[in-house]
Amino acid sequence: MKLVKLIANLGYGSRKQVAAMFREGRVTDPQGEVLYADDAVSHADVRVDGEALDPPAGLVLMLHKPVGYTCSTRDRGRLVYDLLPPRFALRSPALSTVGRLDRDTSGLLLMTDDGLLLHRIVSPKSQLPKVYEATLASDLRGDEADIFASGTLLLESEQTPLKPARLQVLAPRHARLTLTEGRYHQVRRMFAAVGNHVDALQRISIGGLDLNGLDSGQWRALDENDLARLWHPSAQAPKST
C-alpha cells in the first residue's frame, strides 16, 4: 500500500491533505529523514510530525468507559469516541465498539476495526465470560445465585431463558455477576426480575482481559499477548445441570 493511502486510512487526513504533509516534510523516518510518497517503508519506520504512526488496520483496543458516555455514534452528547484521538473516528476500516455498554454503565469496552474479530467475540458461540460488579438498591435476599445459575430465568417480554450465570455475593448490596451472553440491559433486567434495582454497574473483565490498571477514560492498544489472554479466561462460566 502506498504511504499516502496508508496514512490517510489511519485518519490523518484526506489523501490530498496527506500528500500536502509529504510536500511539507512532515513525514519522516525514525532518524528524521524526509520520506516521499512512493518510498517503500514499513509501517513501524514512518513518523508524522516526529510521532510514530497509529497502529495499522487490525487495531484492537481496550477502553475504561466512564459513566455518561454512549457507544453509538448516532446518539447526542458524550461518545466513547471522544476519549480517543480525533483521527481514530476517521480510520478506514472504521473503528467500532465490540458490543455496547449503556450510558450509565462503566468499565471495560473493547473496540476494533477488524470485523471478523468483532463478530467472533460477540457471537454466542464464543462463550466468552463477561464479569460485572453491581451495586444494588436493596439487600440481596439469598436465592439470587440459584435463580441465575438455573438456566430457566426468563426476562420480561422474552421467550428464551437466560443461560446459566454465576453470582458472587460481595456484600449485602454488592455482587459480581458472570455472563456468557449479552442481551439488552441484561444485568439490570436480571436483578429487576428478582425484585431489585441496580444503582451502579461496571464491567470488570471480558474473557481473560480486565481493566489492568486503566483509569476511567484511559485506553490502550492490545498486543498479541493480550488477545491470547482474551480467549483463555481464568474463570469459566457455570454450566447447566
C-alpha atoms as a PDB file:
ATOM      1  CA  MET A   1       0.000   0.000   0.000  1.00  0.00           C
ATOM      2  CA  LYS A   2       1.312   3.452  -0.902  1.00  0.00           C
ATOM      3  CA  LEU A   3       2.274   5.653   2.005  1.00  0.00           C
ATOM      4  CA  VAL A   4      -0.288   8.325   1.129  1.00  0.00           C
ATOM      5  CA  LYS A   5      -3.148   5.808   1.243  1.00  0.00           C
ATOM      6  CA  LEU A   6      -1.782   4.133   4.385  1.00  0.00           C
ATOM      7  CA  ILE A   7      -1.595   7.397   6.319  1.00  0.00           C
ATOM      8  CA  ALA A   8      -4.961   8.623   5.029  1.00  0.00           C
ATOM      9  CA  ASN A   9      -6.619   5.347   6.053  1.00  0.00           C
ATOM     10  CA  LEU A  10      -5.328   5.911   9.584  1.00  0.00           C
ATOM     11  CA  GLY A  11      -7.357   9.114   9.740  1.00  0.00           C
ATOM     12  CA  TYR A  12      -4.553  11.696   9.482  1.00  0.00           C
ATOM     13  CA  GLY A  13      -6.415  13.443   6.665  1.00  0.00           C
ATOM     14  CA  SER A  14      -7.704  13.022   3.144  1.00  0.00           C
ATOM     15  CA  ARG A  15      -5.278  11.780   0.503  1.00  0.00           C
ATOM     16  CA  LYS A  16      -4.930  15.375  -0.675  1.00  0.00           C
ATOM     17  CA  GLN A  17      -4.132  16.544   2.837  1.00  0.00           C
ATOM     18  CA  VAL A  18      -1.656  13.714   3.387  1.00  0.00           C
ATOM     19  CA  ALA A  19       0.053  14.484   0.074  1.00  0.00           C
ATOM     20  CA  ALA A  20       0.493  18.042   1.352  1.00  0.00           C
ATOM     21  CA  MET A  21       2.093  16.649   4.526  1.00  0.00           C
ATOM     22  CA  PHE A  22       4.710  14.935   2.376  1.00  0.00           C
ATOM     23  CA  ARG A  23       5.432  18.173   0.498  1.00  0.00           C
ATOM     24  CA  GLU A  24       5.822  19.992   3.817  1.00  0.00           C
ATOM     25  CA  GLY A  25       8.357  17.429   5.031  1.00  0.00           C
ATOM     26  CA  ARG A  26       6.209  16.298   7.928  1.00  0.00           C
ATOM     27  CA  VAL A  27       6.527  12.593   7.098  1.00  0.00           C
ATOM     28  CA  THR A  28       9.926  11.182   8.043  1.00  0.00           C
ATOM     29  CA  ASP A  29      11.751   8.048   9.103  1.00  0.00           C
ATOM     30  CA  PRO A  30      12.862   7.492  12.734  1.00  0.00           C
ATOM     31  CA  GLN A  31      16.085   9.413  12.049  1.00  0.00           C
ATOM     32  CA  GLY A  32      14.203  12.449  10.801  1.00  0.00           C
ATOM     33  CA  GLU A  33      14.961  11.931   7.120  1.00  0.00           C
ATOM     34  CA  VAL A  34      12.105  13.155   4.935  1.00  0.00           C
ATOM     35  CA  LEU A  35      10.105  10.417   3.235  1.00  0.00           C
ATOM     36  CA  TYR A  36       8.406  10.599  -0.139  1.00  0.00           C
ATOM     37  CA  ALA A  37       5.023   9.230  -1.102  1.00  0.00           C
ATOM     38  CA  ASP A  38       6.472   6.441  -3.264  1.00  0.00           C
ATOM     39  CA  ASP A  39       9.079   5.268  -0.722  1.00  0.00           C
ATOM     40  CA  ALA A  40       8.826   1.612   0.323  1.00  0.00           C
ATOM     41  CA  VAL A  41       8.965   1.837   4.102  1.00  0.00           C
ATOM     42  CA  SER A  42       7.492  -0.361   6.804  1.00  0.00           C
ATOM     43  CA  HIS A  43       4.696   0.967   8.990  1.00  0.00           C
ATOM     44  CA  ALA A  44       6.981   0.972  12.048  1.00  0.00           C
ATOM     45  CA  ASP A  45       9.514   3.214  10.296  1.00  0.00           C
ATOM     46  CA  VAL A  46       7.145   6.082   9.472  1.00  0.00           C
ATOM     47  CA  ARG A  47       6.809   9.204  11.595  1.00  0.00           C
ATOM     48  CA  VAL A  48       4.311  12.054  11.246  1.00  0.00           C
ATOM     49  CA  ASP A  49       5.487  15.250  12.929  1.00  0.00           C
ATOM     50  CA  GLY A  50       8.066  13.110  14.720  1.00  0.00           C
ATOM     51  CA  GLU A  51       5.492  10.724  16.196  1.00  0.00           C
ATOM     52  CA  ALA A  52       5.098   7.044  15.350  1.00  0.00           C
ATOM     53  CA  LEU A  53       2.060   6.128  13.264  1.00  0.00           C
ATOM     54  CA  ASP A  54      -1.066   4.865  14.987  1.00  0.00           C
ATOM     55  CA  PRO A  55      -1.497   1.068  14.919  1.00  0.00           C
ATOM     56  CA  PRO A  56      -2.327  -0.333  11.467  1.00  0.00           C
ATOM     57  CA  ALA A  57      -5.593  -1.928  10.378  1.00  0.00           C
ATOM     58  CA  GLY A  58      -6.431  -4.778  12.723  1.00  0.00           C
ATOM     59  CA  LEU A  59      -6.351  -2.446  15.716  1.00  0.00           C
ATOM     60  CA  VAL A  60      -7.955  -3.744  18.895  1.00  0.00           C
ATOM     61  CA  LEU A  61      -8.046  -1.501  21.943  1.00  0.00           C
ATOM     62  CA  MET A  62      -9.474  -1.584  25.415  1.00  0.00           C
ATOM     63  CA  LEU A  63     -11.118   1.457  26.970  1.00  0.00           C
ATOM     64  CA  HIS A  64     -12.165   2.125  30.546  1.00  0.00           C
ATOM     65  CA  LYS A  65     -15.529   3.671  29.725  1.00  0.00           C
ATOM     66  CA  PRO A  66     -16.787   6.244  32.229  1.00  0.00           C
ATOM     67  CA  VAL A  67     -20.423   6.700  33.174  1.00  0.00           C
ATOM     68  CA  GLY A  68     -22.136   9.280  30.958  1.00  0.00           C
ATOM     69  CA  TYR A  69     -20.646   8.179  27.627  1.00  0.00           C
ATOM     70  CA  THR A  70     -22.520   6.251  24.946  1.00  0.00           C
ATOM     71  CA  CYS A  71     -21.240   3.741  22.408  1.00  0.00           C
ATOM     72  CA  SER A  72     -23.416   4.799  19.477  1.00  0.00           C
ATOM     73  CA  THR A  73     -22.216   7.420  17.001  1.00  0.00           C
ATOM     74  CA  ARG A  74     -25.871   8.386  16.437  1.00  0.00           C
ATOM     75  CA  ASP A  75     -26.544   9.498  19.992  1.00  0.00           C
ATOM     76  CA  ARG A  76     -26.186  13.074  21.136  1.00  0.00           C
ATOM     77  CA  GLY A  77     -23.928  14.050  23.997  1.00  0.00           C
ATOM     78  CA  ARG A  78     -20.647  12.459  25.013  1.00  0.00           C
ATOM     79  CA  LEU A  79     -19.463   9.474  22.975  1.00  0.00           C
ATOM     80  CA  VAL A  80     -16.740   6.934  23.741  1.00  0.00           C
ATOM     81  CA  TYR A  81     -15.000   8.125  20.563  1.00  0.00           C
ATOM     82  CA  ASP A  82     -14.457  11.490  22.276  1.00  0.00           C
ATOM     83  CA  LEU A  83     -11.993   9.715  24.600  1.00  0.00           C
ATOM     84  CA  LEU A  84      -9.761   8.683  21.673  1.00  0.00           C
ATOM     85  CA  PRO A  85      -7.567  10.729  19.323  1.00  0.00           C
ATOM     86  CA  PRO A  86      -9.963  12.549  16.932  1.00  0.00           C
ATOM     87  CA  ARG A  87      -8.411  10.927  13.864  1.00  0.00           C
ATOM     88  CA  PHE A  88      -9.480   7.472  15.144  1.00  0.00           C
ATOM     89  CA  ALA A  89     -13.022   8.355  14.080  1.00  0.00           C
ATOM     90  CA  LEU A  90     -11.743   8.783  10.505  1.00  0.00           C
ATOM     91  CA  ARG A  91      -9.937   5.457  10.187  1.00  0.00           C
ATOM     92  CA  SER A  92     -10.761   3.131   7.310  1.00  0.00           C
ATOM     93  CA  PRO A  93     -11.869   0.457   8.025  1.00  0.00           C
ATOM     94  CA  ALA A  94     -13.915   2.106  10.769  1.00  0.00           C
ATOM     95  CA  LEU A  95     -13.275   1.543  14.466  1.00  0.00           C
ATOM     96  CA  SER A  96     -16.339   0.025  16.158  1.00  0.00           C
ATOM     97  CA  THR A  97     -17.273  -0.949  19.691  1.00  0.00           C
ATOM     98  CA  VAL A  98     -17.412  -4.673  20.420  1.00  0.00           C
ATOM     99  CA  GLY A  99     -20.920  -4.767  21.817  1.00  0.00           C
ATOM    100  CA  ARG A 100     -22.072  -1.866  23.972  1.00  0.00           C
ATOM    101  CA  LEU A 101     -22.217  -0.557  27.493  1.00  0.00           C
ATOM    102  CA  ASP A 102     -25.152   1.733  28.206  1.00  0.00           C
ATOM    103  CA  ARG A 103     -24.673   5.350  29.252  1.00  0.00           C
ATOM    104  CA  ASP A 104     -24.958   4.541  32.963  1.00  0.00           C
ATOM    105  CA  THR A 105     -22.556   1.570  32.908  1.00  0.00           C
ATOM    106  CA  SER A 106     -18.798   1.968  33.242  1.00  0.00           C
ATOM    107  CA  GLY A 107     -15.893  -0.404  32.724  1.00  0.00           C
ATOM    108  CA  LEU A 108     -14.129  -2.477  30.113  1.00  0.00           C
ATOM    109  CA  LEU A 109     -15.065  -1.830  26.489  1.00  0.00           C
ATOM    110  CA  LEU A 110     -13.277  -3.352  23.502  1.00  0.00           C
ATOM    111  CA  MET A 111     -13.064  -1.573  20.144  1.00  0.00           C
ATOM    112  CA  THR A 112     -11.695  -2.830  16.824  1.00  0.00           C
ATOM    113  CA  ASP A 113     -11.615  -2.211  13.084  1.00  0.00           C
ATOM    114  CA  ASP A 114     -11.421  -5.978  12.454  1.00  0.00           C
ATOM    115  CA  GLY A 115     -14.958  -7.008  11.541  1.00  0.00           C
ATOM    116  CA  LEU A 116     -14.261 -10.744  11.671  1.00  0.00           C
ATOM    117  CA  LEU A 117     -12.759 -10.496  15.140  1.00  0.00           C
ATOM    118  CA  LEU A 118     -15.652  -8.332  16.334  1.00  0.00           C
ATOM    119  CA  HIS A 119     -18.204 -10.904  15.233  1.00  0.00           C
ATOM    120  CA  ARG A 120     -16.164 -13.736  16.738  1.00  0.00           C
ATOM    121  CA  ILE A 121     -16.103 -12.020  20.138  1.00  0.00           C
ATOM    122  CA  VAL A 122     -19.820 -11.147  20.250  1.00  0.00           C
ATOM    123  CA  SER A 123     -21.003 -14.467  18.783  1.00  0.00           C
ATOM    124  CA  PRO A 124     -22.949 -16.618  21.273  1.00  0.00           C
ATOM    125  CA  LYS A 125     -20.691 -19.480  20.185  1.00  0.00           C
ATOM    126  CA  SER A 126     -17.669 -17.781  21.730  1.00  0.00           C
ATOM    127  CA  GLN A 127     -18.968 -18.369  25.290  1.00  0.00           C
ATOM    128  CA  LEU A 128     -16.639 -15.601  26.479  1.00  0.00           C
ATOM    129  CA  PRO A 129     -17.436 -14.786  30.107  1.00  0.00           C
ATOM    130  CA  LYS A 130     -18.126 -11.135  30.872  1.00  0.00           C
ATOM    131  CA  VAL A 131     -17.898 -10.126  34.520  1.00  0.00           C
ATOM    132  CA  TYR A 132     -19.825  -7.226  36.058  1.00  0.00           C
ATOM    133  CA  GLU A 133     -19.935  -5.726  39.522  1.00  0.00           C
ATOM    134  CA  ALA A 134     -23.267  -4.289  40.599  1.00  0.00           C
ATOM    135  CA  THR A 135     -24.232  -2.035  43.490  1.00  0.00           C
ATOM    136  CA  LEU A 136     -27.860  -2.669  44.370  1.00  0.00           C
ATOM    137  CA  ALA A 137     -30.661  -0.591  45.856  1.00  0.00           C
ATOM    138  CA  SER A 138     -31.754  -3.344  48.276  1.00  0.00           C
ATOM    139  CA  ASP A 139     -30.092  -6.181  50.165  1.00  0.00           C
ATOM    140  CA  LEU A 140     -29.790  -9.476  48.327  1.00  0.00           C
ATOM    141  CA  ARG A 141     -32.387 -11.890  49.672  1.00  0.00           C
ATOM    142  CA  GLY A 142     -30.276 -15.061  49.291  1.00  0.00           C
ATOM    143  CA  ASP A 143     -31.809 -17.057  46.440  1.00  0.00           C
ATOM    144  CA  GLU A 144     -30.486 -14.979  43.519  1.00  0.00           C
ATOM    145  CA  ALA A 145     -27.441 -17.176  42.861  1.00  0.00           C
ATOM    146  CA  ASP A 146     -29.569 -20.300  42.428  1.00  0.00           C
ATOM    147  CA  ILE A 147     -32.051 -18.485  40.189  1.00  0.00           C
ATOM    148  CA  PHE A 148     -29.339 -17.011  37.962  1.00  0.00           C
ATOM    149  CA  ALA A 149     -27.492 -20.357  37.715  1.00  0.00           C
ATOM    150  CA  SER A 150     -30.637 -22.334  36.876  1.00  0.00           C
ATOM    151  CA  GLY A 151     -30.751 -21.594  33.166  1.00  0.00           C
ATOM    152  CA  THR A 152     -34.526 -21.101  33.465  1.00  0.00           C
ATOM    153  CA  LEU A 153     -34.811 -17.378  34.214  1.00  0.00           C
ATOM    154  CA  LEU A 154     -36.984 -15.536  31.709  1.00  0.00           C
ATOM    155  CA  LEU A 155     -36.639 -11.805  31.268  1.00  0.00           C
ATOM    156  CA  GLU A 156     -39.728  -9.704  30.729  1.00  0.00           C
ATOM    157  CA  SER A 157     -41.045  -9.818  27.132  1.00  0.00           C
ATOM    158  CA  GLU A 158     -38.629 -12.626  26.163  1.00  0.00           C
ATOM    159  CA  GLN A 159     -39.379 -16.238  25.274  1.00  0.00           C
ATOM    160  CA  THR A 160     -35.919 -17.801  25.628  1.00  0.00           C
ATOM    161  CA  PRO A 161     -34.490 -18.451  29.109  1.00  0.00           C
ATOM    162  CA  LEU A 162     -31.136 -16.966  30.018  1.00  0.00           C
ATOM    163  CA  LYS A 163     -28.061 -19.138  30.002  1.00  0.00           C
ATOM    164  CA  PRO A 164     -26.729 -20.003  33.463  1.00  0.00           C
ATOM    165  CA  ALA A 165     -24.884 -17.129  35.135  1.00  0.00           C
ATOM    166  CA  ARG A 166     -22.686 -17.088  38.214  1.00  0.00           C
ATOM    167  CA  LEU A 167     -23.438 -14.717  41.084  1.00  0.00           C
ATOM    168  CA  GLN A 168     -20.871 -13.998  43.776  1.00  0.00           C
ATOM    169  CA  VAL A 169     -22.084 -12.005  46.776  1.00  0.00           C
ATOM    170  CA  LEU A 170     -19.508  -9.426  47.856  1.00  0.00           C
ATOM    171  CA  ALA A 171     -21.664  -7.556  50.374  1.00  0.00           C
ATOM    172  CA  PRO A 172     -25.401  -7.332  51.130  1.00  0.00           C
ATOM    173  CA  ARG A 173     -25.841  -4.837  48.272  1.00  0.00           C
ATOM    174  CA  HIS A 174     -22.759  -5.603  46.187  1.00  0.00           C
ATOM    175  CA  ALA A 175     -22.466  -8.553  43.800  1.00  0.00           C
ATOM    176  CA  ARG A 176     -20.297  -9.873  40.979  1.00  0.00           C
ATOM    177  CA  LEU A 177     -22.091 -11.492  38.048  1.00  0.00           C
ATOM    178  CA  THR A 178     -20.531 -13.580  35.261  1.00  0.00           C
ATOM    179  CA  LEU A 179     -22.433 -13.937  31.976  1.00  0.00           C
ATOM    180  CA  THR A 180     -21.731 -15.683  28.678  1.00  0.00           C
ATOM    181  CA  GLU A 181     -24.290 -13.765  26.633  1.00  0.00           C
ATOM    182  CA  GLY A 182     -25.102 -10.122  26.116  1.00  0.00           C
ATOM    183  CA  ARG A 183     -28.793  -9.332  25.910  1.00  0.00           C
ATOM    184  CA  TYR A 184     -30.109  -5.793  26.075  1.00  0.00           C
ATOM    185  CA  HIS A 185     -29.519  -4.332  29.568  1.00  0.00           C
ATOM    186  CA  GLN A 186     -29.190  -7.914  30.765  1.00  0.00           C
ATOM    187  CA  VAL A 187     -27.665  -7.382  34.206  1.00  0.00           C
ATOM    188  CA  ARG A 188     -30.130  -4.663  35.147  1.00  0.00           C
ATOM    189  CA  ARG A 189     -33.071  -6.740  33.913  1.00  0.00           C
ATOM    190  CA  MET A 190     -31.869  -9.849  35.769  1.00  0.00           C
ATOM    191  CA  PHE A 191     -31.839  -8.044  39.094  1.00  0.00           C
ATOM    192  CA  ALA A 192     -35.177  -6.438  38.275  1.00  0.00           C
ATOM    193  CA  ALA A 193     -36.560  -9.943  37.720  1.00  0.00           C
ATOM    194  CA  VAL A 194     -35.702 -10.837  41.331  1.00  0.00           C
ATOM    195  CA  GLY A 195     -37.153  -7.621  42.718  1.00  0.00           C
ATOM    196  CA  ASN A 196     -34.038  -5.481  42.986  1.00  0.00           C
ATOM    197  CA  HIS A 197     -32.598  -2.446  41.226  1.00  0.00           C
ATOM    198  CA  VAL A 198     -29.036  -1.761  40.029  1.00  0.00           C
ATOM    199  CA  ASP A 199     -27.783   1.609  41.270  1.00  0.00           C
ATOM    200  CA  ALA A 200     -24.294   1.309  39.724  1.00  0.00           C
ATOM    201  CA  LEU A 201     -22.798  -1.162  37.259  1.00  0.00           C
ATOM    202  CA  GLN A 202     -19.271  -1.778  35.997  1.00  0.00           C
ATOM    203  CA  ARG A 203     -17.901  -4.412  33.621  1.00  0.00           C
ATOM    204  CA  ILE A 204     -14.570  -5.530  35.033  1.00  0.00           C
ATOM    205  CA  SER A 205     -13.484  -8.200  32.544  1.00  0.00           C
ATOM    206  CA  ILE A 206     -14.105  -9.873  29.194  1.00  0.00           C
ATOM    207  CA  GLY A 207     -12.600 -13.326  28.757  1.00  0.00           C
ATOM    208  CA  GLY A 208      -9.127 -13.153  30.257  1.00  0.00           C
ATOM    209  CA  LEU A 209      -8.827  -9.362  29.944  1.00  0.00           C
ATOM    210  CA  ASP A 210      -9.503  -6.945  32.763  1.00  0.00           C
ATOM    211  CA  LEU A 211      -9.066  -3.207  33.251  1.00  0.00           C
ATOM    212  CA  ASN A 212      -5.444  -3.860  34.224  1.00  0.00           C
ATOM    213  CA  GLY A 213      -4.851  -0.537  35.973  1.00  0.00           C
ATOM    214  CA  LEU A 214      -6.555   1.643  33.362  1.00  0.00           C
ATOM    215  CA  ASP A 215      -8.093   4.705  34.975  1.00  0.00           C
ATOM    216  CA  SER A 216     -11.522   5.899  33.917  1.00  0.00           C
ATOM    217  CA  GLY A 217     -11.342   7.378  30.405  1.00  0.00           C
ATOM    218  CA  GLN A 218      -7.978   5.784  29.582  1.00  0.00           C
ATOM    219  CA  TRP A 219      -7.332   3.351  26.733  1.00  0.00           C
ATOM    220  CA  ARG A 220      -4.541   1.267  25.255  1.00  0.00           C
ATOM    221  CA  ALA A 221      -3.994  -0.840  22.149  1.00  0.00           C
ATOM    222  CA  LEU A 222      -3.877  -4.597  22.658  1.00  0.00           C
ATOM    223  CA  ASP A 223      -0.966  -6.745  21.529  1.00  0.00           C
ATOM    224  CA  GLU A 224      -0.852 -10.428  20.605  1.00  0.00           C
ATOM    225  CA  ASN A 225      -0.369 -11.491  24.229  1.00  0.00           C
ATOM    226  CA  ASP A 226      -3.464  -9.533  25.246  1.00  0.00           C
ATOM    227  CA  LEU A 227      -5.533 -11.177  22.519  1.00  0.00           C
ATOM    228  CA  ALA A 228      -4.280 -14.602  23.574  1.00  0.00           C
ATOM    229  CA  ARG A 229      -5.451 -13.849  27.135  1.00  0.00           C
ATOM    230  CA  LEU A 230      -8.835 -12.752  25.821  1.00  0.00           C
ATOM    231  CA  TRP A 231      -9.562 -16.287  24.665  1.00  0.00           C
ATOM    232  CA  HIS A 232      -8.177 -18.005  27.783  1.00  0.00           C
ATOM    233  CA  PRO A 233     -10.171 -16.655  30.744  1.00  0.00           C
ATOM    234  CA  SER A 234      -9.102 -17.808  34.177  1.00  0.00           C
ATOM    235  CA  ALA A 235     -12.709 -18.364  35.277  1.00  0.00           C
ATOM    236  CA  GLN A 236     -15.219 -20.429  33.388  1.00  0.00           C
ATOM    237  CA  ALA A 237     -18.931 -19.757  33.345  1.00  0.00           C
ATOM    238  CA  PRO A 238     -21.241 -22.214  35.114  1.00  0.00           C
ATOM    239  CA  LYS A 239     -22.780 -24.998  33.107  1.00  0.00           C
ATOM    240  CA  SER A 240     -26.359 -26.208  33.165  1.00  0.00           C
ATOM    241  CA  THR A 241     -27.021 -29.187  35.375  1.00  0.00           C
END
